[in-house]
C-alpha atoms as a PDB file:
ATOM      1  CA  MET A   1    -155.748 121.271 118.593  1.00  0.00           C
ATOM      2  CA  ALA A   2    -159.372 122.084 119.256  1.00  0.00           C
ATOM      3  CA  LYS A   3    -160.290 124.607 121.971  1.00  0.00           C
ATOM      4  CA  ILE A   4    -163.212 124.446 124.298  1.00  0.00           C
ATOM      5  CA  CYS A   5    -164.500 128.012 123.884  1.00  0.00           C
ATOM      6  CA  SER A   6    -167.570 127.832 126.011  1.00  0.00           C
ATOM      7  CA  VAL A   7    -169.277 125.547 128.516  1.00  0.00           C
ATOM      8  CA  ILE A   8    -172.971 125.989 129.209  1.00  0.00           C
ATOM      9  CA  ALA A   9    -175.603 124.331 131.400  1.00  0.00           C
ATOM     10  CA  THR A  10    -179.224 124.908 130.673  1.00  0.00           C
ATOM     11  CA  SER A  11    -182.654 123.599 131.508  1.00  0.00           C
ATOM     12  CA  HIS A  12    -184.782 122.393 128.596  1.00  0.00           C
ATOM     13  CA  SER A  13    -188.180 122.279 130.263  1.00  0.00           C
ATOM     14  CA  PRO A  14    -191.256 122.936 128.002  1.00  0.00           C
ATOM     15  CA  PHE A  15    -191.891 125.867 130.361  1.00  0.00           C
ATOM     16  CA  LEU A  16    -189.065 127.671 128.524  1.00  0.00           C
ATOM     17  CA  PHE A  17    -190.865 127.451 125.237  1.00  0.00           C
ATOM     18  CA  GLU A  18    -194.591 127.593 126.000  1.00  0.00           C
ATOM     19  CA  PRO A  19    -196.637 130.795 126.606  1.00  0.00           C
ATOM     20  CA  LEU A  20    -197.683 131.966 130.053  1.00  0.00           C
ATOM     21  CA  SER A  21    -201.258 130.687 129.527  1.00  0.00           C
ATOM     22  CA  TRP A  22    -199.735 127.201 129.192  1.00  0.00           C
ATOM     23  CA  TRP A  23    -197.944 127.638 132.536  1.00  0.00           C
ATOM     24  CA  ASN A  24    -201.231 128.432 134.257  1.00  0.00           C
ATOM     25  CA  ASN A  25    -203.136 125.633 132.578  1.00  0.00           C
ATOM     26  CA  THR A  26    -200.462 123.054 133.429  1.00  0.00           C
ATOM     27  CA  ARG A  27    -200.429 124.133 137.048  1.00  0.00           C
ATOM     28  CA  ALA A  28    -204.134 123.516 137.250  1.00  0.00           C
ATOM     29  CA  GLY A  29    -203.670 119.923 136.062  1.00  0.00           C
ATOM     30  CA  ARG A  30    -200.749 118.909 138.279  1.00  0.00           C
ATOM     31  CA  SER A  31    -200.647 116.897 141.509  1.00  0.00           C
ATOM     32  CA  TYR A  32    -198.682 118.602 144.292  1.00  0.00           C
ATOM     33  CA  ALA A  33    -197.318 117.195 147.533  1.00  0.00           C
ATOM     34  CA  PRO A  34    -199.165 118.444 150.716  1.00  0.00           C
ATOM     35  CA  GLY A  35    -197.780 121.855 151.625  1.00  0.00           C
ATOM     36  CA  ALA A  36    -195.994 122.341 148.300  1.00  0.00           C
ATOM     37  CA  ILE A  37    -195.694 125.968 147.028  1.00  0.00           C
ATOM     38  CA  VAL A  38    -198.015 126.720 144.123  1.00  0.00           C
ATOM     39  CA  ASP A  39    -197.407 130.118 142.481  1.00  0.00           C
ATOM     40  CA  ASP A  40    -200.374 132.362 141.642  1.00  0.00           C
ATOM     41  CA  ASP A  41    -200.835 134.053 138.230  1.00  0.00           C
ATOM     42  CA  GLU A  42    -198.785 137.128 139.175  1.00  0.00           C
ATOM     43  CA  GLU A  43    -195.797 135.132 140.331  1.00  0.00           C
ATOM     44  CA  ASN A  44    -195.997 132.923 137.251  1.00  0.00           C
ATOM     45  CA  ALA A  45    -195.826 136.016 135.091  1.00  0.00           C
ATOM     46  CA  ARG A  46    -192.718 137.283 136.904  1.00  0.00           C
ATOM     47  CA  LYS A  47    -190.968 133.976 136.591  1.00  0.00           C
ATOM     48  CA  PHE A  48    -191.989 133.658 132.956  1.00  0.00           C
ATOM     49  CA  ASP A  49    -190.150 136.943 132.269  1.00  0.00           C
ATOM     50  CA  ARG A  50    -187.077 135.783 134.160  1.00  0.00           C
ATOM     51  CA  VAL A  51    -186.965 132.539 132.132  1.00  0.00           C
ATOM     52  CA  GLN A  52    -187.047 134.542 128.880  1.00  0.00           C
ATOM     53  CA  GLN A  53    -184.329 136.878 130.111  1.00  0.00           C
ATOM     54  CA  GLY A  54    -182.183 133.912 131.211  1.00  0.00           C
ATOM     55  CA  MET A  55    -182.358 132.334 127.736  1.00  0.00           C
ATOM     56  CA  VAL A  56    -181.362 135.606 126.080  1.00  0.00           C
ATOM     57  CA  LYS A  57    -178.319 136.029 128.330  1.00  0.00           C
ATOM     58  CA  LEU A  58    -177.279 132.455 127.734  1.00  0.00           C
ATOM     59  CA  ARG A  59    -177.658 133.030 123.964  1.00  0.00           C
ATOM     60  CA  ASP A  60    -175.310 136.021 124.172  1.00  0.00           C
ATOM     61  CA  VAL A  61    -172.680 133.893 125.973  1.00  0.00           C
ATOM     62  CA  PHE A  62    -172.950 131.209 123.361  1.00  0.00           C
ATOM     63  CA  GLN A  63    -172.759 133.574 120.353  1.00  0.00           C
ATOM     64  CA  GLU A  64    -169.912 135.548 121.777  1.00  0.00           C
ATOM     65  CA  ALA A  65    -167.934 132.284 121.949  1.00  0.00           C
ATOM     66  CA  ARG A  66    -168.396 131.706 118.140  1.00  0.00           C
ATOM     67  CA  PRO A  67    -168.289 127.860 118.313  1.00  0.00           C
ATOM     68  CA  ASP A  68    -167.721 125.776 115.226  1.00  0.00           C
ATOM     69  CA  VAL A  69    -169.325 122.748 116.835  1.00  0.00           C
ATOM     70  CA  VAL A  70    -171.424 121.832 119.929  1.00  0.00           C
ATOM     71  CA  LEU A  71    -170.773 118.795 121.944  1.00  0.00           C
ATOM     72  CA  CYS A  72    -173.981 118.227 123.965  1.00  0.00           C
ATOM     73  CA  PHE A  73    -174.552 115.973 126.950  1.00  0.00           C
ATOM     74  CA  GLY A  74    -178.298 115.144 127.022  1.00  0.00           C
ATOM     75  CA  ASP A  75    -180.630 112.301 127.806  1.00  0.00           C
ATOM     76  CA  ASP A  76    -183.163 110.278 125.828  1.00  0.00           C
ATOM     77  CA  GLN A  77    -186.762 109.851 126.972  1.00  0.00           C
ATOM     78  CA  ASP A  78    -188.260 107.028 124.892  1.00  0.00           C
ATOM     79  CA  GLU A  79    -187.387 108.978 121.789  1.00  0.00           C
ATOM     80  CA  GLN A  80    -184.679 106.678 120.341  1.00  0.00           C
ATOM     81  CA  PHE A  81    -184.151 104.141 123.183  1.00  0.00           C
ATOM     82  CA  ASP A  82    -186.659 102.182 125.154  1.00  0.00           C
ATOM     83  CA  LEU A  83    -186.544  99.764 128.116  1.00  0.00           C
ATOM     84  CA  ASN A  84    -185.671  96.879 125.847  1.00  0.00           C
ATOM     85  CA  ASN A  85    -182.233  98.391 125.433  1.00  0.00           C
ATOM     86  CA  HIS A  86    -181.075 101.577 127.133  1.00  0.00           C
ATOM     87  CA  PRO A  87    -177.345 102.224 127.366  1.00  0.00           C
ATOM     88  CA  SER A  88    -175.734 104.305 130.078  1.00  0.00           C
ATOM     89  CA  PHE A  89    -173.850 106.300 127.540  1.00  0.00           C
ATOM     90  CA  ALA A  90    -174.098 106.569 123.702  1.00  0.00           C
ATOM     91  CA  VAL A  91    -172.389 108.653 121.059  1.00  0.00           C
ATOM     92  CA  TYR A  92    -174.306 109.626 117.949  1.00  0.00           C
ATOM     93  CA  VAL A  93    -171.787 109.024 115.134  1.00  0.00           C
ATOM     94  CA  GLY A  94    -174.199 109.370 112.213  1.00  0.00           C
ATOM     95  CA  PRO A  95    -175.013 112.092 109.665  1.00  0.00           C
ATOM     96  CA  ALA A  96    -177.186 115.221 110.025  1.00  0.00           C
ATOM     97  CA  PHE A  97    -180.277 114.622 112.102  1.00  0.00           C
ATOM     98  CA  GLU A  98    -183.666 116.186 112.515  1.00  0.00           C
ATOM     99  CA  GLY A  99    -186.155 116.752 115.315  1.00  0.00           C
ATOM    100  CA  TYR A 100    -188.738 118.911 116.953  1.00  0.00           C
ATOM    101  CA  LYS A 101    -187.466 122.332 117.878  1.00  0.00           C
ATOM    102  CA  ALA A 102    -189.313 122.330 121.217  1.00  0.00           C
ATOM    103  CA  VAL A 103    -192.472 120.619 122.484  1.00  0.00           C
ATOM    104  CA  ARG A 104    -193.617 118.039 119.956  1.00  0.00           C
ATOM    105  CA  TYR A 105    -197.171 117.524 121.162  1.00  0.00           C
ATOM    106  CA  ALA A 106    -199.879 119.693 119.593  1.00  0.00           C
ATOM    107  CA  GLU A 107    -201.908 119.451 122.768  1.00  0.00           C
ATOM    108  CA  LYS A 108    -201.012 119.027 126.409  1.00  0.00           C
ATOM    109  CA  LEU A 109    -204.082 116.887 127.173  1.00  0.00           C
ATOM    110  CA  GLY A 110    -206.089 114.321 125.346  1.00  0.00           C
ATOM    111  CA  ALA A 111    -204.602 112.309 122.438  1.00  0.00           C
ATOM    112  CA  ARG A 112    -201.434 114.582 122.343  1.00  0.00           C
ATOM    113  CA  PRO A 113    -200.913 114.274 118.571  1.00  0.00           C
ATOM    114  CA  PHE A 114    -197.537 115.288 117.167  1.00  0.00           C
ATOM    115  CA  LYS A 115    -197.160 118.742 115.603  1.00  0.00           C
ATOM    116  CA  PRO A 116    -196.722 118.790 111.847  1.00  0.00           C
ATOM    117  CA  LYS A 117    -193.118 118.593 110.626  1.00  0.00           C
ATOM    118  CA  VAL A 118    -192.991 122.079 109.136  1.00  0.00           C
ATOM    119  CA  PRO A 119    -190.274 124.669 109.682  1.00  0.00           C
ATOM    120  CA  GLU A 120    -192.174 126.251 112.530  1.00  0.00           C
ATOM    121  CA  HIS A 121    -191.719 123.086 114.581  1.00  0.00           C
ATOM    122  CA  TRP A 122    -189.126 120.924 112.884  1.00  0.00           C
ATOM    123  CA  ALA A 123    -185.382 121.552 112.319  1.00  0.00           C
ATOM    124  CA  LYS A 124    -182.320 119.861 110.929  1.00  0.00           C
ATOM    125  CA  ILE A 125    -178.895 120.011 112.638  1.00  0.00           C
ATOM    126  CA  ASP A 126    -175.621 119.081 110.867  1.00  0.00           C
ATOM    127  CA  ALA A 127    -173.491 116.442 112.582  1.00  0.00           C
ATOM    128  CA  ARG A 128    -169.692 115.977 112.644  1.00  0.00           C
ATOM    129  CA  PRO A 129    -169.471 112.187 112.318  1.00  0.00           C
ATOM    130  CA  GLU A 130    -165.665 112.227 111.949  1.00  0.00           C
ATOM    131  CA  LEU A 131    -165.396 114.043 115.321  1.00  0.00           C
ATOM    132  CA  ALA A 132    -167.989 111.796 116.926  1.00  0.00           C
ATOM    133  CA  ARG A 133    -166.214 108.634 115.724  1.00  0.00           C
ATOM    134  CA  SER A 134    -162.905 109.797 117.038  1.00  0.00           C
ATOM    135  CA  LEU A 135    -164.592 110.488 120.387  1.00  0.00           C
ATOM    136  CA  GLN A 136    -166.097 106.955 120.358  1.00  0.00           C
ATOM    137  CA  PHE A 137    -162.791 105.260 119.662  1.00  0.00           C
ATOM    138  CA  ALA A 138    -160.852 107.372 122.204  1.00  0.00           C
ATOM    139  CA  LEU A 139    -163.380 106.800 124.932  1.00  0.00           C
ATOM    140  CA  MET A 140    -163.101 103.017 124.382  1.00  0.00           C
ATOM    141  CA  ASP A 141    -159.288 103.256 124.467  1.00  0.00           C
ATOM    142  CA  ALA A 142    -159.644 105.120 127.808  1.00  0.00           C
ATOM    143  CA  GLY A 143    -161.757 102.315 129.348  1.00  0.00           C
ATOM    144  CA  PHE A 144    -165.242 103.523 128.644  1.00  0.00           C
ATOM    145  CA  ASP A 145    -167.611 101.560 126.480  1.00  0.00           C
ATOM    146  CA  PRO A 146    -170.347 103.849 125.135  1.00  0.00           C
ATOM    147  CA  ALA A 147    -172.934 102.544 122.662  1.00  0.00           C
ATOM    148  CA  PHE A 148    -172.839 104.110 119.204  1.00  0.00           C
ATOM    149  CA  MET A 149    -175.670 105.252 116.940  1.00  0.00           C
ATOM    150  CA  LEU A 150    -175.175 105.295 113.186  1.00  0.00           C
ATOM    151  CA  ASP A 151    -178.589 106.781 112.654  1.00  0.00           C
ATOM    152  CA  LEU A 152    -181.858 107.457 114.552  1.00  0.00           C
ATOM    153  CA  PRO A 153    -183.985 104.362 115.100  1.00  0.00           C
ATOM    154  CA  ASP A 154    -187.172 106.486 115.186  1.00  0.00           C
ATOM    155  CA  LYS A 155    -187.030 109.284 112.607  1.00  0.00           C
ATOM    156  CA  ASP A 156    -190.666 110.119 113.176  1.00  0.00           C
ATOM    157  CA  ILE A 157    -189.911 111.449 116.686  1.00  0.00           C
ATOM    158  CA  GLY A 158    -186.413 112.701 115.681  1.00  0.00           C
ATOM    159  CA  MET A 159    -183.446 113.406 117.862  1.00  0.00           C
ATOM    160  CA  GLY A 160    -184.357 113.747 121.521  1.00  0.00           C
ATOM    161  CA  HIS A 161    -185.532 117.057 123.007  1.00  0.00           C
ATOM    162  CA  ALA A 162    -182.440 117.312 125.238  1.00  0.00           C
ATOM    163  CA  PHE A 163    -180.477 118.065 122.077  1.00  0.00           C
ATOM    164  CA  MET A 164    -182.960 119.899 119.934  1.00  0.00           C
ATOM    165  CA  ARG A 165    -184.467 122.362 122.418  1.00  0.00           C
ATOM    166  CA  PRO A 166    -181.332 124.179 123.572  1.00  0.00           C
ATOM    167  CA  MET A 167    -180.133 124.848 120.044  1.00  0.00           C
ATOM    168  CA  GLY A 168    -183.134 127.089 119.139  1.00  0.00           C
ATOM    169  CA  PRO A 169    -182.484 129.786 121.832  1.00  0.00           C
ATOM    170  CA  LEU A 170    -178.668 129.465 121.577  1.00  0.00           C
ATOM    171  CA  THR A 171    -178.571 129.953 117.829  1.00  0.00           C
ATOM    172  CA  ASP A 172    -181.460 132.502 117.632  1.00  0.00           C
ATOM    173  CA  GLY A 173    -183.603 129.908 115.919  1.00  0.00           C
ATOM    174  CA  ARG A 174    -181.119 129.173 113.140  1.00  0.00           C
ATOM    175  CA  PHE A 175    -179.913 125.699 114.258  1.00  0.00           C
ATOM    176  CA  ASP A 176    -176.817 126.441 112.246  1.00  0.00           C
ATOM    177  CA  VAL A 177    -174.087 125.005 114.457  1.00  0.00           C
ATOM    178  CA  PRO A 178    -173.153 121.293 113.984  1.00  0.00           C
ATOM    179  CA  MET A 179    -173.517 118.935 117.025  1.00  0.00           C
ATOM    180  CA  VAL A 180    -171.892 115.925 118.423  1.00  0.00           C
ATOM    181  CA  PRO A 181    -174.589 114.413 120.743  1.00  0.00           C
ATOM    182  CA  VAL A 182    -173.523 112.323 123.771  1.00  0.00           C
ATOM    183  CA  LEU A 183    -176.476 110.532 125.251  1.00  0.00           C
ATOM    184  CA  VAL A 184    -176.530 109.945 129.028  1.00  0.00           C
ATOM    185  CA  ASN A 185    -179.086 107.717 130.783  1.00  0.00           C
ATOM    186  CA  CYS A 186    -180.436 110.035 133.390  1.00  0.00           C
ATOM    187  CA  LEU A 187    -183.988 108.684 133.951  1.00  0.00           C
ATOM    188  CA  TYR A 188    -184.136 104.933 133.834  1.00  0.00           C
ATOM    189  CA  ALA A 189    -182.719 102.980 136.696  1.00  0.00           C
ATOM    190  CA  PRO A 190    -180.054 101.728 137.013  1.00  0.00           C
ATOM    191  CA  GLN A 191    -178.431 104.978 135.832  1.00  0.00           C
ATOM    192  CA  PRO A 192    -174.711 105.712 135.919  1.00  0.00           C
ATOM    193  CA  THR A 193    -173.464 107.451 139.070  1.00  0.00           C
ATOM    194  CA  ALA A 194    -172.590 111.099 138.849  1.00  0.00           C
ATOM    195  CA  ALA A 195    -169.019 110.113 139.697  1.00  0.00           C
ATOM    196  CA  ARG A 196    -168.854 107.990 136.605  1.00  0.00           C
ATOM    197  CA  CYS A 197    -170.320 110.766 134.559  1.00  0.00           C
ATOM    198  CA  VAL A 198    -167.548 113.097 135.847  1.00  0.00           C
ATOM    199  CA  ALA A 199    -164.905 110.641 134.887  1.00  0.00           C
ATOM    200  CA  LEU A 200    -166.230 110.331 131.335  1.00  0.00           C
ATOM    201  CA  ALA A 201    -166.650 114.049 130.976  1.00  0.00           C
ATOM    202  CA  ARG A 202    -163.093 114.714 131.930  1.00  0.00           C
ATOM    203  CA  GLU A 203    -161.980 112.154 129.387  1.00  0.00           C
ATOM    204  CA  VAL A 204    -164.078 113.873 126.814  1.00  0.00           C
ATOM    205  CA  ARG A 205    -162.279 117.121 127.446  1.00  0.00           C
ATOM    206  CA  LYS A 206    -158.845 115.468 126.984  1.00  0.00           C
ATOM    207  CA  ILE A 207    -160.029 113.938 123.720  1.00  0.00           C
ATOM    208  CA  VAL A 208    -161.402 117.176 122.358  1.00  0.00           C
ATOM    209  CA  GLU A 209    -158.345 119.214 123.275  1.00  0.00           C
ATOM    210  CA  ASN A 210    -155.741 116.610 122.263  1.00  0.00           C
ATOM    211  CA  THR A 211    -157.095 114.847 119.191  1.00  0.00           C
ATOM    212  CA  TRP A 212    -159.691 117.058 117.413  1.00  0.00           C
ATOM    213  CA  PRO A 213    -158.615 119.278 114.593  1.00  0.00           C
ATOM    214  CA  GLN A 214    -156.528 122.467 115.119  1.00  0.00           C
ATOM    215  CA  ASP A 215    -158.422 125.743 115.491  1.00  0.00           C
ATOM    216  CA  LEU A 216    -161.808 124.160 116.020  1.00  0.00           C
ATOM    217  CA  ARG A 217    -163.835 126.071 118.560  1.00  0.00           C
ATOM    218  CA  VAL A 218    -165.996 123.653 120.635  1.00  0.00           C
ATOM    219  CA  ALA A 219    -168.976 124.646 122.890  1.00  0.00           C
ATOM    220  CA  VAL A 220    -169.974 122.037 125.469  1.00  0.00           C
ATOM    221  CA  VAL A 221    -173.618 122.055 126.596  1.00  0.00           C
ATOM    222  CA  GLY A 222    -175.102 120.150 129.489  1.00  0.00           C
ATOM    223  CA  SER A 223    -178.840 119.929 128.844  1.00  0.00           C
ATOM    224  CA  GLY A 224    -181.595 119.216 131.373  1.00  0.00           C
ATOM    225  CA  GLY A 225    -182.540 119.502 135.034  1.00  0.00           C
ATOM    226  CA  LEU A 226    -182.632 120.773 137.526  1.00  0.00           C
ATOM    227  CA  TRP A 227    -185.034 119.250 140.089  1.00  0.00           C
ATOM    228  CA  HIS A 228    -188.289 118.115 138.546  1.00  0.00           C
ATOM    229  CA  THR A 229    -190.625 115.072 138.623  1.00  0.00           C
ATOM    230  CA  PRO A 230    -192.781 116.047 135.679  1.00  0.00           C
ATOM    231  CA  GLY A 231    -196.370 114.822 135.875  1.00  0.00           C
ATOM    232  CA  ALA A 232    -195.770 112.698 138.902  1.00  0.00           C
ATOM    233  CA  ARG A 233    -198.272 112.422 141.761  1.00  0.00           C
ATOM    234  CA  GLU A 234    -197.405 114.474 144.846  1.00  0.00           C
ATOM    235  CA  SER A 235    -194.678 116.451 143.093  1.00  0.00           C
ATOM    236  CA  TYR A 236    -192.680 119.114 144.869  1.00  0.00           C
ATOM    237  CA  LEU A 237    -189.692 121.278 144.065  1.00  0.00           C
ATOM    238  CA  ASP A 238    -186.540 120.501 146.125  1.00  0.00           C
ATOM    239  CA  GLU A 239    -185.010 123.885 145.994  1.00  0.00           C
ATOM    240  CA  GLU A 240    -182.407 122.766 148.626  1.00  0.00           C
ATOM    241  CA  PHE A 241    -181.140 120.128 146.199  1.00  0.00           C
ATOM    242  CA  ASP A 242    -180.788 122.673 143.409  1.00  0.00           C
ATOM    243  CA  ARG A 243    -179.066 125.266 145.442  1.00  0.00           C
ATOM    244  CA  GLU A 244    -176.598 122.747 146.869  1.00  0.00           C
ATOM    245  CA  ILE A 245    -175.693 121.730 143.297  1.00  0.00           C
ATOM    246  CA  LEU A 246    -175.417 125.338 142.163  1.00  0.00           C
ATOM    247  CA  THR A 247    -173.245 126.346 145.148  1.00  0.00           C
ATOM    248  CA  ARG A 248    -170.753 123.637 144.189  1.00  0.00           C
ATOM    249  CA  LEU A 249    -170.981 124.647 140.548  1.00  0.00           C
ATOM    250  CA  GLN A 250    -170.035 128.194 141.469  1.00  0.00           C
ATOM    251  CA  ALA A 251    -167.160 126.928 143.499  1.00  0.00           C
ATOM    252  CA  GLY A 252    -165.831 124.981 140.459  1.00  0.00           C
ATOM    253  CA  ASN A 253    -166.016 121.636 142.224  1.00  0.00           C
ATOM    254  CA  ALA A 254    -167.573 118.945 139.941  1.00  0.00           C
ATOM    255  CA  ASP A 255    -166.454 116.235 142.328  1.00  0.00           C
ATOM    256  CA  ALA A 256    -168.418 117.837 145.188  1.00  0.00           C
ATOM    257  CA  MET A 257    -171.431 118.156 142.858  1.00  0.00           C
ATOM    258  CA  ALA A 258    -171.196 114.429 142.096  1.00  0.00           C
ATOM    259  CA  SER A 259    -170.728 113.388 145.710  1.00  0.00           C
ATOM    260  CA  TYR A 260    -173.759 115.399 146.799  1.00  0.00           C
ATOM    261  CA  PHE A 261    -175.840 114.022 143.955  1.00  0.00           C
ATOM    262  CA  ASP A 262    -174.814 110.374 144.541  1.00  0.00           C
ATOM    263  CA  ALA A 263    -175.409 110.552 148.273  1.00  0.00           C
ATOM    264  CA  TRP A 264    -178.743 112.440 148.119  1.00  0.00           C
ATOM    265  CA  LYS A 265    -181.756 110.862 149.843  1.00  0.00           C
ATOM    266  CA  PRO A 266    -185.124 112.387 150.588  1.00  0.00           C
ATOM    267  CA  ARG A 267    -185.661 113.712 154.033  1.00  0.00           C
ATOM    268  CA  GLU A 268    -187.522 111.395 156.369  1.00  0.00           C
ATOM    269  CA  GLU A 269    -190.719 113.358 156.283  1.00  0.00           C
ATOM    270  CA  LEU A 270    -190.765 113.237 152.409  1.00  0.00           C
ATOM    271  CA  LYS A 271    -189.898 109.553 151.816  1.00  0.00           C
ATOM    272  CA  HIS A 272    -193.529 108.551 151.459  1.00  0.00           C
ATOM    273  CA  LEU A 273    -194.234 110.978 148.514  1.00  0.00           C
ATOM    274  CA  LYS A 274    -195.408 109.150 145.419  1.00  0.00           C
ATOM    275  CA  CYS A 275    -193.283 111.376 143.138  1.00  0.00           C
ATOM    276  CA  PHE A 276    -190.259 109.280 144.055  1.00  0.00           C
ATOM    277  CA  ASP A 277    -191.909 106.304 142.248  1.00  0.00           C
ATOM    278  CA  GLN A 278    -190.789 108.087 139.082  1.00  0.00           C
ATOM    279  CA  PHE A 279    -187.111 107.701 139.982  1.00  0.00           C
ATOM    280  CA  SER A 280    -187.025 104.177 138.559  1.00  0.00           C
ATOM    281  CA  GLY A 281    -188.240 105.403 135.184  1.00  0.00           C
ATOM    282  CA  GLY A 282    -190.597 102.482 134.983  1.00  0.00           C
ATOM    283  CA  THR A 283    -187.982  99.750 135.241  1.00  0.00           C
ATOM    284  CA  GLY A 284    -188.982  98.566 138.705  1.00  0.00           C
ATOM    285  CA  MET A 285    -185.407  99.098 139.800  1.00  0.00           C
ATOM    286  CA  SER A 286    -183.978 101.930 141.923  1.00  0.00           C
ATOM    287  CA  ARG A 287    -180.604 103.591 141.878  1.00  0.00           C
ATOM    288  CA  GLY A 288    -180.128 107.172 143.092  1.00  0.00           C
ATOM    289  CA  VAL A 289    -181.758 110.251 141.708  1.00  0.00           C
ATOM    290  CA  GLY A 290    -183.786 109.532 138.554  1.00  0.00           C
ATOM    291  CA  GLY A 291    -186.801 110.981 136.808  1.00  0.00           C
ATOM    292  CA  GLY A 292    -186.299 114.494 135.355  1.00  0.00           C
ATOM    293  CA  SER A 293    -184.157 115.406 138.321  1.00  0.00           C
ATOM    294  CA  GLY A 294    -181.632 112.831 137.164  1.00  0.00           C
ATOM    295  CA  GLU A 295    -180.790 115.162 134.248  1.00  0.00           C
ATOM    296  CA  THR A 296    -178.666 117.138 136.761  1.00  0.00           C
ATOM    297  CA  ARG A 297    -175.956 114.623 135.714  1.00  0.00           C
ATOM    298  CA  ASN A 298    -175.629 116.607 132.489  1.00  0.00           C
ATOM    299  CA  TRP A 299    -174.934 119.839 134.541  1.00  0.00           C
ATOM    300  CA  ILE A 300    -172.286 117.930 136.551  1.00  0.00           C
ATOM    301  CA  MET A 301    -170.654 116.688 133.371  1.00  0.00           C
ATOM    302  CA  ALA A 302    -170.488 120.225 131.963  1.00  0.00           C
ATOM    303  CA  ALA A 303    -168.867 121.355 135.262  1.00  0.00           C
ATOM    304  CA  ALA A 304    -166.332 118.522 134.988  1.00  0.00           C
ATOM    305  CA  VAL A 305    -165.368 119.597 131.492  1.00  0.00           C
ATOM    306  CA  ALA A 306    -164.976 123.218 132.565  1.00  0.00           C
ATOM    307  CA  ASP A 307    -163.046 122.423 135.765  1.00  0.00           C
ATOM    308  CA  ARG A 308    -163.278 125.951 137.105  1.00  0.00           C
ATOM    309  CA  PRO A 309    -165.814 128.158 138.968  1.00  0.00           C
ATOM    310  CA  GLY A 310    -169.054 128.671 137.002  1.00  0.00           C
ATOM    311  CA  ARG A 311    -171.494 131.519 136.783  1.00  0.00           C
ATOM    312  CA  VAL A 312    -175.194 131.168 137.442  1.00  0.00           C
ATOM    313  CA  ILE A 313    -177.227 133.566 135.265  1.00  0.00           C
ATOM    314  CA  ASP A 314    -180.408 132.742 137.144  1.00  0.00           C
ATOM    315  CA  TYR A 315    -182.251 130.090 139.041  1.00  0.00           C
ATOM    316  CA  ILE A 316    -185.975 130.163 138.795  1.00  0.00           C
ATOM    317  CA  PRO A 317    -188.120 127.790 141.003  1.00  0.00           C
ATOM    318  CA  VAL A 318    -191.058 127.294 138.647  1.00  0.00           C
ATOM    319  CA  HIS A 319    -193.684 125.805 140.986  1.00  0.00           C
ATOM    320  CA  ALA A 320    -196.314 125.521 138.254  1.00  0.00           C
ATOM    321  CA  SER A 321    -194.338 122.518 136.911  1.00  0.00           C
ATOM    322  CA  PRO A 322    -192.748 122.150 139.525  1.00  0.00           C
ATOM    323  CA  CYS A 323    -189.227 122.433 138.058  1.00  0.00           C
ATOM    324  CA  GLY A 324    -186.005 124.148 139.007  1.00  0.00           C
ATOM    325  CA  VAL A 325    -185.101 126.110 135.857  1.00  0.00           C
ATOM    326  CA  GLY A 326    -181.489 127.261 135.611  1.00  0.00           C
ATOM    327  CA  PHE A 327    -178.939 128.826 133.288  1.00  0.00           C
ATOM    328  CA  ALA A 328    -175.223 128.744 133.922  1.00  0.00           C
ATOM    329  CA  TYR A 329    -171.922 128.987 132.071  1.00  0.00           C
ATOM    330  CA  TRP A 330    -168.177 128.848 132.504  1.00  0.00           C
ATOM    331  CA  GLU A 331    -165.708 131.319 131.076  1.00  0.00           C
ATOM    332  CA  MET A 332    -163.139 129.256 129.216  1.00  0.00           C
ATOM    333  CA  VAL A 333    -160.074 131.523 128.995  1.00  0.00           C
ATOM    334  CA  GLY A 334    -156.688 129.913 129.079  1.00  0.00           C
END
């Protein structure tokens, strides 16, 4: 049957795709918690280079694996779902889809118009609906009930950035590997626990390896994270959170990653920070880690699929955002 040839976890922050000048300008417009680290221009430049190098190394891992299809765990941020209806999990079972390659806004400030849908900014990715539908049915048979998507409700925005952005660097800008998108609610409370995400991810691996066609090489990508509360007031970068997650990733223990994530609470001296208002995603409800940091669920799901020690290419604390940018992978041999 199919073989999982590579498992990858990657950030998808706009800081990966925008020039250094954008880093500096964004830093100037952000609200930071008292005492938070704010990198100067020189440190920003060093970290910018590390981010570019990290993406190149991850690209090499992906291309060496020669996947026939990508199964991507990612989230949706008001791109196809909204707060009138936002499932915990959804499988895209439709045809080829399109979307913005990276940041869709032409300007960071002001009216923020969309960039034109030209090849420089807009791409098409083939889907594998027969695989996606078999995944949907098998997950339901296993006791999970993901929503399904036959098409994109909002074609003007296109497929969410969690799915589009990683494919540019991984495919050297070709966007030529088909994808099965699995959408995970990471931002909008009440979100699924990381433990539930682990259980679903492990079932996904069983389905891929036991029911998908023979000789199909499948790359699994967990897209998002790590810690970030983008644009929130009194933001800070919780490097301790990121490093605890990465330590468990390197140990190959997805259950420990999930336990840490689900039990996490801000330290007493940080509880008052306004950035935690973002954890509800605007629903007025609260349940665990939300906001951009909630995308760490997708890393945990990748770790659960791999089920072995992982390798961290680099972890870059980008205080200009602030965002923990990371690149990791698992060698899937045997």
